[in-house]
Structures are given as structure tokens and as C-alpha cells.
PDBML (XML) file of the C-alpha atoms, coordinates in Angstrom:
<?xml version="1.0" encoding="UTF-8" ?>
<PDBx:datablock datablockName="MODEL"
   xmlns:PDBx="http://pdbml.pdb.org/schema/pdbx-v50.xsd"
   xmlns:xsi="http://www.w3.org/2001/XMLSchema-instance"
   xsi:schemaLocation="http://pdbml.pdb.org/schema/pdbx-v50.xsd pdbx-v50.xsd">
   <PDBx:atom_siteCategory>
      <PDBx:atom_site id="1">
         <PDBx:B_iso_or_equiv>0.00</PDBx:B_iso_or_equiv>
         <PDBx:Cartn_x>-110.396</PDBx:Cartn_x>
         <PDBx:Cartn_y>127.911</PDBx:Cartn_y>
         <PDBx:Cartn_z>-63.247</PDBx:Cartn_z>
         <PDBx:auth_asym_id>A</PDBx:auth_asym_id>
         <PDBx:auth_atom_id>CA</PDBx:auth_atom_id>
         <PDBx:auth_comp_id>VAL</PDBx:auth_comp_id>
         <PDBx:auth_seq_id>1</PDBx:auth_seq_id>
         <PDBx:group_PDB>ATOM</PDBx:group_PDB>
         <PDBx:label_alt_id xsi:nil="true" />
         <PDBx:label_asym_id>A</PDBx:label_asym_id>
         <PDBx:label_atom_id>CA</PDBx:label_atom_id>
         <PDBx:label_comp_id>VAL</PDBx:label_comp_id>
         <PDBx:label_entity_id>1</PDBx:label_entity_id>
         <PDBx:label_seq_id>1</PDBx:label_seq_id>
         <PDBx:occupancy>1.00</PDBx:occupancy>
         <PDBx:pdbx_PDB_model_num>1</PDBx:pdbx_PDB_model_num>
         <PDBx:type_symbol>C</PDBx:type_symbol>
      </PDBx:atom_site>
      <PDBx:atom_site id="2">
         <PDBx:B_iso_or_equiv>0.00</PDBx:B_iso_or_equiv>
         <PDBx:Cartn_x>-113.272</PDBx:Cartn_x>
         <PDBx:Cartn_y>129.802</PDBx:Cartn_y>
         <PDBx:Cartn_z>-61.977</PDBx:Cartn_z>
         <PDBx:auth_asym_id>A</PDBx:auth_asym_id>
         <PDBx:auth_atom_id>CA</PDBx:auth_atom_id>
         <PDBx:auth_comp_id>ALA</PDBx:auth_comp_id>
         <PDBx:auth_seq_id>2</PDBx:auth_seq_id>
         <PDBx:group_PDB>ATOM</PDBx:group_PDB>
         <PDBx:label_alt_id xsi:nil="true" />
         <PDBx:label_asym_id>A</PDBx:label_asym_id>
         <PDBx:label_atom_id>CA</PDBx:label_atom_id>
         <PDBx:label_comp_id>ALA</PDBx:label_comp_id>
         <PDBx:label_entity_id>1</PDBx:label_entity_id>
         <PDBx:label_seq_id>2</PDBx:label_seq_id>
         <PDBx:occupancy>1.00</PDBx:occupancy>
         <PDBx:pdbx_PDB_model_num>1</PDBx:pdbx_PDB_model_num>
         <PDBx:type_symbol>C</PDBx:type_symbol>
      </PDBx:atom_site>
      <PDBx:atom_site id="3">
         <PDBx:B_iso_or_equiv>0.00</PDBx:B_iso_or_equiv>
         <PDBx:Cartn_x>-115.463</PDBx:Cartn_x>
         <PDBx:Cartn_y>125.950</PDBx:Cartn_y>
         <PDBx:Cartn_z>-61.646</PDBx:Cartn_z>
         <PDBx:auth_asym_id>A</PDBx:auth_asym_id>
         <PDBx:auth_atom_id>CA</PDBx:auth_atom_id>
         <PDBx:auth_comp_id>GLY</PDBx:auth_comp_id>
         <PDBx:auth_seq_id>3</PDBx:auth_seq_id>
         <PDBx:group_PDB>ATOM</PDBx:group_PDB>
         <PDBx:label_alt_id xsi:nil="true" />
         <PDBx:label_asym_id>A</PDBx:label_asym_id>
         <PDBx:label_atom_id>CA</PDBx:label_atom_id>
         <PDBx:label_comp_id>GLY</PDBx:label_comp_id>
         <PDBx:label_entity_id>1</PDBx:label_entity_id>
         <PDBx:label_seq_id>3</PDBx:label_seq_id>
         <PDBx:occupancy>1.00</PDBx:occupancy>
         <PDBx:pdbx_PDB_model_num>1</PDBx:pdbx_PDB_model_num>
         <PDBx:type_symbol>C</PDBx:type_symbol>
      </PDBx:atom_site>
      <PDBx:atom_site id="4">
         <PDBx:B_iso_or_equiv>0.00</PDBx:B_iso_or_equiv>
         <PDBx:Cartn_x>-112.320</PDBx:Cartn_x>
         <PDBx:Cartn_y>125.378</PDBx:Cartn_y>
         <PDBx:Cartn_z>-59.380</PDBx:Cartn_z>
         <PDBx:auth_asym_id>A</PDBx:auth_asym_id>
         <PDBx:auth_atom_id>CA</PDBx:auth_atom_id>
         <PDBx:auth_comp_id>LEU</PDBx:auth_comp_id>
         <PDBx:auth_seq_id>4</PDBx:auth_seq_id>
         <PDBx:group_PDB>ATOM</PDBx:group_PDB>
         <PDBx:label_alt_id xsi:nil="true" />
         <PDBx:label_asym_id>A</PDBx:label_asym_id>
         <PDBx:label_atom_id>CA</PDBx:label_atom_id>
         <PDBx:label_comp_id>LEU</PDBx:label_comp_id>
         <PDBx:label_entity_id>1</PDBx:label_entity_id>
         <PDBx:label_seq_id>4</PDBx:label_seq_id>
         <PDBx:occupancy>1.00</PDBx:occupancy>
         <PDBx:pdbx_PDB_model_num>1</PDBx:pdbx_PDB_model_num>
         <PDBx:type_symbol>C</PDBx:type_symbol>
      </PDBx:atom_site>
      <PDBx:atom_site id="5">
         <PDBx:B_iso_or_equiv>0.00</PDBx:B_iso_or_equiv>
         <PDBx:Cartn_x>-112.152</PDBx:Cartn_x>
         <PDBx:Cartn_y>128.604</PDBx:Cartn_y>
         <PDBx:Cartn_z>-57.448</PDBx:Cartn_z>
         <PDBx:auth_asym_id>A</PDBx:auth_asym_id>
         <PDBx:auth_atom_id>CA</PDBx:auth_atom_id>
         <PDBx:auth_comp_id>PHE</PDBx:auth_comp_id>
         <PDBx:auth_seq_id>5</PDBx:auth_seq_id>
         <PDBx:group_PDB>ATOM</PDBx:group_PDB>
         <PDBx:label_alt_id xsi:nil="true" />
         <PDBx:label_asym_id>A</PDBx:label_asym_id>
         <PDBx:label_atom_id>CA</PDBx:label_atom_id>
         <PDBx:label_comp_id>PHE</PDBx:label_comp_id>
         <PDBx:label_entity_id>1</PDBx:label_entity_id>
         <PDBx:label_seq_id>5</PDBx:label_seq_id>
         <PDBx:occupancy>1.00</PDBx:occupancy>
         <PDBx:pdbx_PDB_model_num>1</PDBx:pdbx_PDB_model_num>
         <PDBx:type_symbol>C</PDBx:type_symbol>
      </PDBx:atom_site>
      <PDBx:atom_site id="6">
         <PDBx:B_iso_or_equiv>0.00</PDBx:B_iso_or_equiv>
         <PDBx:Cartn_x>-116.003</PDBx:Cartn_x>
         <PDBx:Cartn_y>128.130</PDBx:Cartn_y>
         <PDBx:Cartn_z>-56.853</PDBx:Cartn_z>
         <PDBx:auth_asym_id>A</PDBx:auth_asym_id>
         <PDBx:auth_atom_id>CA</PDBx:auth_atom_id>
         <PDBx:auth_comp_id>GLU</PDBx:auth_comp_id>
         <PDBx:auth_seq_id>6</PDBx:auth_seq_id>
         <PDBx:group_PDB>ATOM</PDBx:group_PDB>
         <PDBx:label_alt_id xsi:nil="true" />
         <PDBx:label_asym_id>A</PDBx:label_asym_id>
         <PDBx:label_atom_id>CA</PDBx:label_atom_id>
         <PDBx:label_comp_id>GLU</PDBx:label_comp_id>
         <PDBx:label_entity_id>1</PDBx:label_entity_id>
         <PDBx:label_seq_id>6</PDBx:label_seq_id>
         <PDBx:occupancy>1.00</PDBx:occupancy>
         <PDBx:pdbx_PDB_model_num>1</PDBx:pdbx_PDB_model_num>
         <PDBx:type_symbol>C</PDBx:type_symbol>
      </PDBx:atom_site>
      <PDBx:atom_site id="7">
         <PDBx:B_iso_or_equiv>0.00</PDBx:B_iso_or_equiv>
         <PDBx:Cartn_x>-115.463</PDBx:Cartn_x>
         <PDBx:Cartn_y>124.738</PDBx:Cartn_y>
         <PDBx:Cartn_z>-55.439</PDBx:Cartn_z>
         <PDBx:auth_asym_id>A</PDBx:auth_asym_id>
         <PDBx:auth_atom_id>CA</PDBx:auth_atom_id>
         <PDBx:auth_comp_id>GLN</PDBx:auth_comp_id>
         <PDBx:auth_seq_id>7</PDBx:auth_seq_id>
         <PDBx:group_PDB>ATOM</PDBx:group_PDB>
         <PDBx:label_alt_id xsi:nil="true" />
         <PDBx:label_asym_id>A</PDBx:label_asym_id>
         <PDBx:label_atom_id>CA</PDBx:label_atom_id>
         <PDBx:label_comp_id>GLN</PDBx:label_comp_id>
         <PDBx:label_entity_id>1</PDBx:label_entity_id>
         <PDBx:label_seq_id>7</PDBx:label_seq_id>
         <PDBx:occupancy>1.00</PDBx:occupancy>
         <PDBx:pdbx_PDB_model_num>1</PDBx:pdbx_PDB_model_num>
         <PDBx:type_symbol>C</PDBx:type_symbol>
      </PDBx:atom_site>
      <PDBx:atom_site id="8">
         <PDBx:B_iso_or_equiv>0.00</PDBx:B_iso_or_equiv>
         <PDBx:Cartn_x>-112.312</PDBx:Cartn_x>
         <PDBx:Cartn_y>126.001</PDBx:Cartn_y>
         <PDBx:Cartn_z>-52.839</PDBx:Cartn_z>
         <PDBx:auth_asym_id>A</PDBx:auth_asym_id>
         <PDBx:auth_atom_id>CA</PDBx:auth_atom_id>
         <PDBx:auth_comp_id>GLY</PDBx:auth_comp_id>
         <PDBx:auth_seq_id>8</PDBx:auth_seq_id>
         <PDBx:group_PDB>ATOM</PDBx:group_PDB>
         <PDBx:label_alt_id xsi:nil="true" />
         <PDBx:label_asym_id>A</PDBx:label_asym_id>
         <PDBx:label_atom_id>CA</PDBx:label_atom_id>
         <PDBx:label_comp_id>GLY</PDBx:label_comp_id>
         <PDBx:label_entity_id>1</PDBx:label_entity_id>
         <PDBx:label_seq_id>8</PDBx:label_seq_id>
         <PDBx:occupancy>1.00</PDBx:occupancy>
         <PDBx:pdbx_PDB_model_num>1</PDBx:pdbx_PDB_model_num>
         <PDBx:type_symbol>C</PDBx:type_symbol>
      </PDBx:atom_site>
      <PDBx:atom_site id="9">
         <PDBx:B_iso_or_equiv>0.00</PDBx:B_iso_or_equiv>
         <PDBx:Cartn_x>-110.389</PDBx:Cartn_x>
         <PDBx:Cartn_y>122.606</PDBx:Cartn_y>
         <PDBx:Cartn_z>-53.076</PDBx:Cartn_z>
         <PDBx:auth_asym_id>A</PDBx:auth_asym_id>
         <PDBx:auth_atom_id>CA</PDBx:auth_atom_id>
         <PDBx:auth_comp_id>CYS</PDBx:auth_comp_id>
         <PDBx:auth_seq_id>9</PDBx:auth_seq_id>
         <PDBx:group_PDB>ATOM</PDBx:group_PDB>
         <PDBx:label_alt_id xsi:nil="true" />
         <PDBx:label_asym_id>A</PDBx:label_asym_id>
         <PDBx:label_atom_id>CA</PDBx:label_atom_id>
         <PDBx:label_comp_id>CYS</PDBx:label_comp_id>
         <PDBx:label_entity_id>1</PDBx:label_entity_id>
         <PDBx:label_seq_id>9</PDBx:label_seq_id>
         <PDBx:occupancy>1.00</PDBx:occupancy>
         <PDBx:pdbx_PDB_model_num>1</PDBx:pdbx_PDB_model_num>
         <PDBx:type_symbol>C</PDBx:type_symbol>
      </PDBx:atom_site>
      <PDBx:atom_site id="10">
         <PDBx:B_iso_or_equiv>0.00</PDBx:B_iso_or_equiv>
         <PDBx:Cartn_x>-107.539</PDBx:Cartn_x>
         <PDBx:Cartn_y>123.529</PDBx:Cartn_y>
         <PDBx:Cartn_z>-54.740</PDBx:Cartn_z>
         <PDBx:auth_asym_id>A</PDBx:auth_asym_id>
         <PDBx:auth_atom_id>CA</PDBx:auth_atom_id>
         <PDBx:auth_comp_id>LEU</PDBx:auth_comp_id>
         <PDBx:auth_seq_id>10</PDBx:auth_seq_id>
         <PDBx:group_PDB>ATOM</PDBx:group_PDB>
         <PDBx:label_alt_id xsi:nil="true" />
         <PDBx:label_asym_id>A</PDBx:label_asym_id>
         <PDBx:label_atom_id>CA</PDBx:label_atom_id>
         <PDBx:label_comp_id>LEU</PDBx:label_comp_id>
         <PDBx:label_entity_id>1</PDBx:label_entity_id>
         <PDBx:label_seq_id>10</PDBx:label_seq_id>
         <PDBx:occupancy>1.00</PDBx:occupancy>
         <PDBx:pdbx_PDB_model_num>1</PDBx:pdbx_PDB_model_num>
         <PDBx:type_symbol>C</PDBx:type_symbol>
      </PDBx:atom_site>
      <PDBx:atom_site id="11">
         <PDBx:B_iso_or_equiv>0.00</PDBx:B_iso_or_equiv>
         <PDBx:Cartn_x>-105.053</PDBx:Cartn_x>
         <PDBx:Cartn_y>126.480</PDBx:Cartn_y>
         <PDBx:Cartn_z>-54.041</PDBx:Cartn_z>
         <PDBx:auth_asym_id>A</PDBx:auth_asym_id>
         <PDBx:auth_atom_id>CA</PDBx:auth_atom_id>
         <PDBx:auth_comp_id>SER</PDBx:auth_comp_id>
         <PDBx:auth_seq_id>11</PDBx:auth_seq_id>
         <PDBx:group_PDB>ATOM</PDBx:group_PDB>
         <PDBx:label_alt_id xsi:nil="true" />
         <PDBx:label_asym_id>A</PDBx:label_asym_id>
         <PDBx:label_atom_id>CA</PDBx:label_atom_id>
         <PDBx:label_comp_id>SER</PDBx:label_comp_id>
         <PDBx:label_entity_id>1</PDBx:label_entity_id>
         <PDBx:label_seq_id>11</PDBx:label_seq_id>
         <PDBx:occupancy>1.00</PDBx:occupancy>
         <PDBx:pdbx_PDB_model_num>1</PDBx:pdbx_PDB_model_num>
         <PDBx:type_symbol>C</PDBx:type_symbol>
      </PDBx:atom_site>
      <PDBx:atom_site id="12">
         <PDBx:B_iso_or_equiv>0.00</PDBx:B_iso_or_equiv>
         <PDBx:Cartn_x>-103.323</PDBx:Cartn_x>
         <PDBx:Cartn_y>128.241</PDBx:Cartn_y>
         <PDBx:Cartn_z>-56.543</PDBx:Cartn_z>
         <PDBx:auth_asym_id>A</PDBx:auth_asym_id>
         <PDBx:auth_atom_id>CA</PDBx:auth_atom_id>
         <PDBx:auth_comp_id>ASP</PDBx:auth_comp_id>
         <PDBx:auth_seq_id>12</PDBx:auth_seq_id>
         <PDBx:group_PDB>ATOM</PDBx:group_PDB>
         <PDBx:label_alt_id xsi:nil="true" />
         <PDBx:label_asym_id>A</PDBx:label_asym_id>
         <PDBx:label_atom_id>CA</PDBx:label_atom_id>
         <PDBx:label_comp_id>ASP</PDBx:label_comp_id>
         <PDBx:label_entity_id>1</PDBx:label_entity_id>
         <PDBx:label_seq_id>12</PDBx:label_seq_id>
         <PDBx:occupancy>1.00</PDBx:occupancy>
         <PDBx:pdbx_PDB_model_num>1</PDBx:pdbx_PDB_model_num>
         <PDBx:type_symbol>C</PDBx:type_symbol>
      </PDBx:atom_site>
      <PDBx:atom_site id="13">
         <PDBx:B_iso_or_equiv>0.00</PDBx:B_iso_or_equiv>
         <PDBx:Cartn_x>-100.317</PDBx:Cartn_x>
         <PDBx:Cartn_y>126.394</PDBx:Cartn_y>
         <PDBx:Cartn_z>-57.358</PDBx:Cartn_z>
         <PDBx:auth_asym_id>A</PDBx:auth_asym_id>
         <PDBx:auth_atom_id>CA</PDBx:auth_atom_id>
         <PDBx:auth_comp_id>ALA</PDBx:auth_comp_id>
         <PDBx:auth_seq_id>13</PDBx:auth_seq_id>
         <PDBx:group_PDB>ATOM</PDBx:group_PDB>
         <PDBx:label_alt_id xsi:nil="true" />
         <PDBx:label_asym_id>A</PDBx:label_asym_id>
         <PDBx:label_atom_id>CA</PDBx:label_atom_id>
         <PDBx:label_comp_id>ALA</PDBx:label_comp_id>
         <PDBx:label_entity_id>1</PDBx:label_entity_id>
         <PDBx:label_seq_id>13</PDBx:label_seq_id>
         <PDBx:occupancy>1.00</PDBx:occupancy>
         <PDBx:pdbx_PDB_model_num>1</PDBx:pdbx_PDB_model_num>
         <PDBx:type_symbol>C</PDBx:type_symbol>
      </PDBx:atom_site>
      <PDBx:atom_site id="14">
         <PDBx:B_iso_or_equiv>0.00</PDBx:B_iso_or_equiv>
         <PDBx:Cartn_x>-102.237</PDBx:Cartn_x>
         <PDBx:Cartn_y>123.164</PDBx:Cartn_y>
         <PDBx:Cartn_z>-57.700</PDBx:Cartn_z>
         <PDBx:auth_asym_id>A</PDBx:auth_asym_id>
         <PDBx:auth_atom_id>CA</PDBx:auth_atom_id>
         <PDBx:auth_comp_id>GLN</PDBx:auth_comp_id>
         <PDBx:auth_seq_id>14</PDBx:auth_seq_id>
         <PDBx:group_PDB>ATOM</PDBx:group_PDB>
         <PDBx:label_alt_id xsi:nil="true" />
         <PDBx:label_asym_id>A</PDBx:label_asym_id>
         <PDBx:label_atom_id>CA</PDBx:label_atom_id>
         <PDBx:label_comp_id>GLN</PDBx:label_comp_id>
         <PDBx:label_entity_id>1</PDBx:label_entity_id>
         <PDBx:label_seq_id>14</PDBx:label_seq_id>
         <PDBx:occupancy>1.00</PDBx:occupancy>
         <PDBx:pdbx_PDB_model_num>1</PDBx:pdbx_PDB_model_num>
         <PDBx:type_symbol>C</PDBx:type_symbol>
      </PDBx:atom_site>
      <PDBx:atom_site id="15">
         <PDBx:B_iso_or_equiv>0.00</PDBx:B_iso_or_equiv>
         <PDBx:Cartn_x>-104.464</PDBx:Cartn_x>
         <PDBx:Cartn_y>124.672</PDBx:Cartn_y>
         <PDBx:Cartn_z>-60.286</PDBx:Cartn_z>
         <PDBx:auth_asym_id>A</PDBx:auth_asym_id>
         <PDBx:auth_atom_id>CA</PDBx:auth_atom_id>
         <PDBx:auth_comp_id>ILE</PDBx:auth_comp_id>
         <PDBx:auth_seq_id>15</PDBx:auth_seq_id>
         <PDBx:group_PDB>ATOM</PDBx:group_PDB>
         <PDBx:label_alt_id xsi:nil="true" />
         <PDBx:label_asym_id>A</PDBx:label_asym_id>
         <PDBx:label_atom_id>CA</PDBx:label_atom_id>
         <PDBx:label_comp_id>ILE</PDBx:label_comp_id>
         <PDBx:label_entity_id>1</PDBx:label_entity_id>
         <PDBx:label_seq_id>15</PDBx:label_seq_id>
         <PDBx:occupancy>1.00</PDBx:occupancy>
         <PDBx:pdbx_PDB_model_num>1</PDBx:pdbx_PDB_model_num>
         <PDBx:type_symbol>C</PDBx:type_symbol>
      </PDBx:atom_site>
      <PDBx:atom_site id="16">
         <PDBx:B_iso_or_equiv>0.00</PDBx:B_iso_or_equiv>
         <PDBx:Cartn_x>-101.350</PDBx:Cartn_x>
         <PDBx:Cartn_y>126.101</PDBx:Cartn_y>
         <PDBx:Cartn_z>-62.189</PDBx:Cartn_z>
         <PDBx:auth_asym_id>A</PDBx:auth_asym_id>
         <PDBx:auth_atom_id>CA</PDBx:auth_atom_id>
         <PDBx:auth_comp_id>GLY</PDBx:auth_comp_id>
         <PDBx:auth_seq_id>16</PDBx:auth_seq_id>
         <PDBx:group_PDB>ATOM</PDBx:group_PDB>
         <PDBx:label_alt_id xsi:nil="true" />
         <PDBx:label_asym_id>A</PDBx:label_asym_id>
         <PDBx:label_atom_id>CA</PDBx:label_atom_id>
         <PDBx:label_comp_id>GLY</PDBx:label_comp_id>
         <PDBx:label_entity_id>1</PDBx:label_entity_id>
         <PDBx:label_seq_id>16</PDBx:label_seq_id>
         <PDBx:occupancy>1.00</PDBx:occupancy>
         <PDBx:pdbx_PDB_model_num>1</PDBx:pdbx_PDB_model_num>
         <PDBx:type_symbol>C</PDBx:type_symbol>
      </PDBx:atom_site>
      <PDBx:atom_site id="17">
         <PDBx:B_iso_or_equiv>0.00</PDBx:B_iso_or_equiv>
         <PDBx:Cartn_x>-99.912</PDBx:Cartn_x>
         <PDBx:Cartn_y>122.628</PDBx:Cartn_y>
         <PDBx:Cartn_z>-62.127</PDBx:Cartn_z>
         <PDBx:auth_asym_id>A</PDBx:auth_asym_id>
         <PDBx:auth_atom_id>CA</PDBx:auth_atom_id>
         <PDBx:auth_comp_id>ARG</PDBx:auth_comp_id>
         <PDBx:auth_seq_id>17</PDBx:auth_seq_id>
         <PDBx:group_PDB>ATOM</PDBx:group_PDB>
         <PDBx:label_alt_id xsi:nil="true" />
         <PDBx:label_asym_id>A</PDBx:label_asym_id>
         <PDBx:label_atom_id>CA</PDBx:label_atom_id>
         <PDBx:label_comp_id>ARG</PDBx:label_comp_id>
         <PDBx:label_entity_id>1</PDBx:label_entity_id>
         <PDBx:label_seq_id>17</PDBx:label_seq_id>
         <PDBx:occupancy>1.00</PDBx:occupancy>
         <PDBx:pdbx_PDB_model_num>1</PDBx:pdbx_PDB_model_num>
         <PDBx:type_symbol>C</PDBx:type_symbol>
      </PDBx:atom_site>
      <PDBx:atom_site id="18">
         <PDBx:B_iso_or_equiv>0.00</PDBx:B_iso_or_equiv>
         <PDBx:Cartn_x>-103.417</PDBx:Cartn_x>
         <PDBx:Cartn_y>121.272</PDBx:Cartn_y>
         <PDBx:Cartn_z>-63.705</PDBx:Cartn_z>
         <PDBx:auth_asym_id>A</PDBx:auth_asym_id>
         <PDBx:auth_atom_id>CA</PDBx:auth_atom_id>
         <PDBx:auth_comp_id>ARG</PDBx:auth_comp_id>
         <PDBx:auth_seq_id>18</PDBx:auth_seq_id>
         <PDBx:group_PDB>ATOM</PDBx:group_PDB>
         <PDBx:label_alt_id xsi:nil="true" />
         <PDBx:label_asym_id>A</PDBx:label_asym_id>
         <PDBx:label_atom_id>CA</PDBx:label_atom_id>
         <PDBx:label_comp_id>ARG</PDBx:label_comp_id>
         <PDBx:label_entity_id>1</PDBx:label_entity_id>
         <PDBx:label_seq_id>18</PDBx:label_seq_id>
         <PDBx:occupancy>1.00</PDBx:occupancy>
         <PDBx:pdbx_PDB_model_num>1</PDBx:pdbx_PDB_model_num>
         <PDBx:type_symbol>C</PDBx:type_symbol>
      </PDBx:atom_site>
      <PDBx:atom_site id="19">
         <PDBx:B_iso_or_equiv>0.00</PDBx:B_iso_or_equiv>
         <PDBx:Cartn_x>-103.491</PDBx:Cartn_x>
         <PDBx:Cartn_y>123.875</PDBx:Cartn_y>
         <PDBx:Cartn_z>-66.384</PDBx:Cartn_z>
         <PDBx:auth_asym_id>A</PDBx:auth_asym_id>
         <PDBx:auth_atom_id>CA</PDBx:auth_atom_id>
         <PDBx:auth_comp_id>PHE</PDBx:auth_comp_id>
         <PDBx:auth_seq_id>19</PDBx:auth_seq_id>
         <PDBx:group_PDB>ATOM</PDBx:group_PDB>
         <PDBx:label_alt_id xsi:nil="true" />
         <PDBx:label_asym_id>A</PDBx:label_asym_id>
         <PDBx:label_atom_id>CA</PDBx:label_atom_id>
         <PDBx:label_comp_id>PHE</PDBx:label_comp_id>
         <PDBx:label_entity_id>1</PDBx:label_entity_id>
         <PDBx:label_seq_id>19</PDBx:label_seq_id>
         <PDBx:occupancy>1.00</PDBx:occupancy>
         <PDBx:pdbx_PDB_model_num>1</PDBx:pdbx_PDB_model_num>
         <PDBx:type_symbol>C</PDBx:type_symbol>
      </PDBx:atom_site>
      <PDBx:atom_site id="20">
         <PDBx:B_iso_or_equiv>0.00</PDBx:B_iso_or_equiv>
         <PDBx:Cartn_x>-99.772</PDBx:Cartn_x>
         <PDBx:Cartn_y>124.688</PDBx:Cartn_y>
         <PDBx:Cartn_z>-66.853</PDBx:Cartn_z>
         <PDBx:auth_asym_id>A</PDBx:auth_asym_id>
         <PDBx:auth_atom_id>CA</PDBx:auth_atom_id>
         <PDBx:auth_comp_id>ARG</PDBx:auth_comp_id>
         <PDBx:auth_seq_id>20</PDBx:auth_seq_id>
         <PDBx:group_PDB>ATOM</PDBx:group_PDB>
         <PDBx:label_alt_id xsi:nil="true" />
         <PDBx:label_asym_id>A</PDBx:label_asym_id>
         <PDBx:label_atom_id>CA</PDBx:label_atom_id>
         <PDBx:label_comp_id>ARG</PDBx:label_comp_id>
         <PDBx:label_entity_id>1</PDBx:label_entity_id>
         <PDBx:label_seq_id>20</PDBx:label_seq_id>
         <PDBx:occupancy>1.00</PDBx:occupancy>
         <PDBx:pdbx_PDB_model_num>1</PDBx:pdbx_PDB_model_num>
         <PDBx:type_symbol>C</PDBx:type_symbol>
      </PDBx:atom_site>
      <PDBx:atom_site id="21">
         <PDBx:B_iso_or_equiv>0.00</PDBx:B_iso_or_equiv>
         <PDBx:Cartn_x>-99.978</PDBx:Cartn_x>
         <PDBx:Cartn_y>128.182</PDBx:Cartn_y>
         <PDBx:Cartn_z>-66.171</PDBx:Cartn_z>
         <PDBx:auth_asym_id>A</PDBx:auth_asym_id>
         <PDBx:auth_atom_id>CA</PDBx:auth_atom_id>
         <PDBx:auth_comp_id>VAL</PDBx:auth_comp_id>
         <PDBx:auth_seq_id>21</PDBx:auth_seq_id>
         <PDBx:group_PDB>ATOM</PDBx:group_PDB>
         <PDBx:label_alt_id xsi:nil="true" />
         <PDBx:label_asym_id>A</PDBx:label_asym_id>
         <PDBx:label_atom_id>CA</PDBx:label_atom_id>
         <PDBx:label_comp_id>VAL</PDBx:label_comp_id>
         <PDBx:label_entity_id>1</PDBx:label_entity_id>
         <PDBx:label_seq_id>21</PDBx:label_seq_id>
         <PDBx:occupancy>1.00</PDBx:occupancy>
         <PDBx:pdbx_PDB_model_num>1</PDBx:pdbx_PDB_model_num>
         <PDBx:type_symbol>C</PDBx:type_symbol>
      </PDBx:atom_site>
      <PDBx:atom_site id="22">
         <PDBx:B_iso_or_equiv>0.00</PDBx:B_iso_or_equiv>
         <PDBx:Cartn_x>-97.893</PDBx:Cartn_x>
         <PDBx:Cartn_y>130.190</PDBx:Cartn_y>
         <PDBx:Cartn_z>-63.473</PDBx:Cartn_z>
         <PDBx:auth_asym_id>A</PDBx:auth_asym_id>
         <PDBx:auth_atom_id>CA</PDBx:auth_atom_id>
         <PDBx:auth_comp_id>SER</PDBx:auth_comp_id>
         <PDBx:auth_seq_id>22</PDBx:auth_seq_id>
         <PDBx:group_PDB>ATOM</PDBx:group_PDB>
         <PDBx:label_alt_id xsi:nil="true" />
         <PDBx:label_asym_id>A</PDBx:label_asym_id>
         <PDBx:label_atom_id>CA</PDBx:label_atom_id>
         <PDBx:label_comp_id>SER</PDBx:label_comp_id>
         <PDBx:label_entity_id>1</PDBx:label_entity_id>
         <PDBx:label_seq_id>22</PDBx:label_seq_id>
         <PDBx:occupancy>1.00</PDBx:occupancy>
         <PDBx:pdbx_PDB_model_num>1</PDBx:pdbx_PDB_model_num>
         <PDBx:type_symbol>C</PDBx:type_symbol>
      </PDBx:atom_site>
      <PDBx:atom_site id="23">
         <PDBx:B_iso_or_equiv>0.00</PDBx:B_iso_or_equiv>
         <PDBx:Cartn_x>-98.761</PDBx:Cartn_x>
         <PDBx:Cartn_y>130.039</PDBx:Cartn_y>
         <PDBx:Cartn_z>-59.839</PDBx:Cartn_z>
         <PDBx:auth_asym_id>A</PDBx:auth_asym_id>
         <PDBx:auth_atom_id>CA</PDBx:auth_atom_id>
         <PDBx:auth_comp_id>ARG</PDBx:auth_comp_id>
         <PDBx:auth_seq_id>23</PDBx:auth_seq_id>
         <PDBx:group_PDB>ATOM</PDBx:group_PDB>
         <PDBx:label_alt_id xsi:nil="true" />
         <PDBx:label_asym_id>A</PDBx:label_asym_id>
         <PDBx:label_atom_id>CA</PDBx:label_atom_id>
         <PDBx:label_comp_id>ARG</PDBx:label_comp_id>
         <PDBx:label_entity_id>1</PDBx:label_entity_id>
         <PDBx:label_seq_id>23</PDBx:label_seq_id>
         <PDBx:occupancy>1.00</PDBx:occupancy>
         <PDBx:pdbx_PDB_model_num>1</PDBx:pdbx_PDB_model_num>
         <PDBx:type_symbol>C</PDBx:type_symbol>
      </PDBx:atom_site>
      <PDBx:atom_site id="24">
         <PDBx:B_iso_or_equiv>0.00</PDBx:B_iso_or_equiv>
         <PDBx:Cartn_x>-98.690</PDBx:Cartn_x>
         <PDBx:Cartn_y>134.048</PDBx:Cartn_y>
         <PDBx:Cartn_z>-59.872</PDBx:Cartn_z>
         <PDBx:auth_asym_id>A</PDBx:auth_asym_id>
         <PDBx:auth_atom_id>CA</PDBx:auth_atom_id>
         <PDBx:auth_comp_id>MET</PDBx:auth_comp_id>
         <PDBx:auth_seq_id>24</PDBx:auth_seq_id>
         <PDBx:group_PDB>ATOM</PDBx:group_PDB>
         <PDBx:label_alt_id xsi:nil="true" />
         <PDBx:label_asym_id>A</PDBx:label_asym_id>
         <PDBx:label_atom_id>CA</PDBx:label_atom_id>
         <PDBx:label_comp_id>MET</PDBx:label_comp_id>
         <PDBx:label_entity_id>1</PDBx:label_entity_id>
         <PDBx:label_seq_id>24</PDBx:label_seq_id>
         <PDBx:occupancy>1.00</PDBx:occupancy>
         <PDBx:pdbx_PDB_model_num>1</PDBx:pdbx_PDB_model_num>
         <PDBx:type_symbol>C</PDBx:type_symbol>
      </PDBx:atom_site>
      <PDBx:atom_site id="25">
         <PDBx:B_iso_or_equiv>0.00</PDBx:B_iso_or_equiv>
         <PDBx:Cartn_x>-101.507</PDBx:Cartn_x>
         <PDBx:Cartn_y>134.174</PDBx:Cartn_y>
         <PDBx:Cartn_z>-62.566</PDBx:Cartn_z>
         <PDBx:auth_asym_id>A</PDBx:auth_asym_id>
         <PDBx:auth_atom_id>CA</PDBx:auth_atom_id>
         <PDBx:auth_comp_id>SER</PDBx:auth_comp_id>
         <PDBx:auth_seq_id>25</PDBx:auth_seq_id>
         <PDBx:group_PDB>ATOM</PDBx:group_PDB>
         <PDBx:label_alt_id xsi:nil="true" />
         <PDBx:label_asym_id>A</PDBx:label_asym_id>
         <PDBx:label_atom_id>CA</PDBx:label_atom_id>
         <PDBx:label_comp_id>SER</PDBx:label_comp_id>
         <PDBx:label_entity_id>1</PDBx:label_entity_id>
         <PDBx:label_seq_id>25</PDBx:label_seq_id>
         <PDBx:occupancy>1.00</PDBx:occupancy>
         <PDBx:pdbx_PDB_model_num>1</PDBx:pdbx_PDB_model_num>
         <PDBx:type_symbol>C</PDBx:type_symbol>
      </PDBx:atom_site>
   </PDBx:atom_siteCategory>
</PDBx:datablock>
């Protein structure tokens, strides 16, 4: 997930769906 943060290309909601975790996490 940190790698995705560095890329800056996905929202929290998109990352949450990809990894099956909540947007708040």
C-alpha cells in the first residue's frame, strides 16, 4: 500500500477495494 501512496495514483477508496480493507484503514 505504501508503494501505491508513493505513486499517488489511487484514492483511499480505490486502495481499500483492491486490498479488501476499509477506506478508513
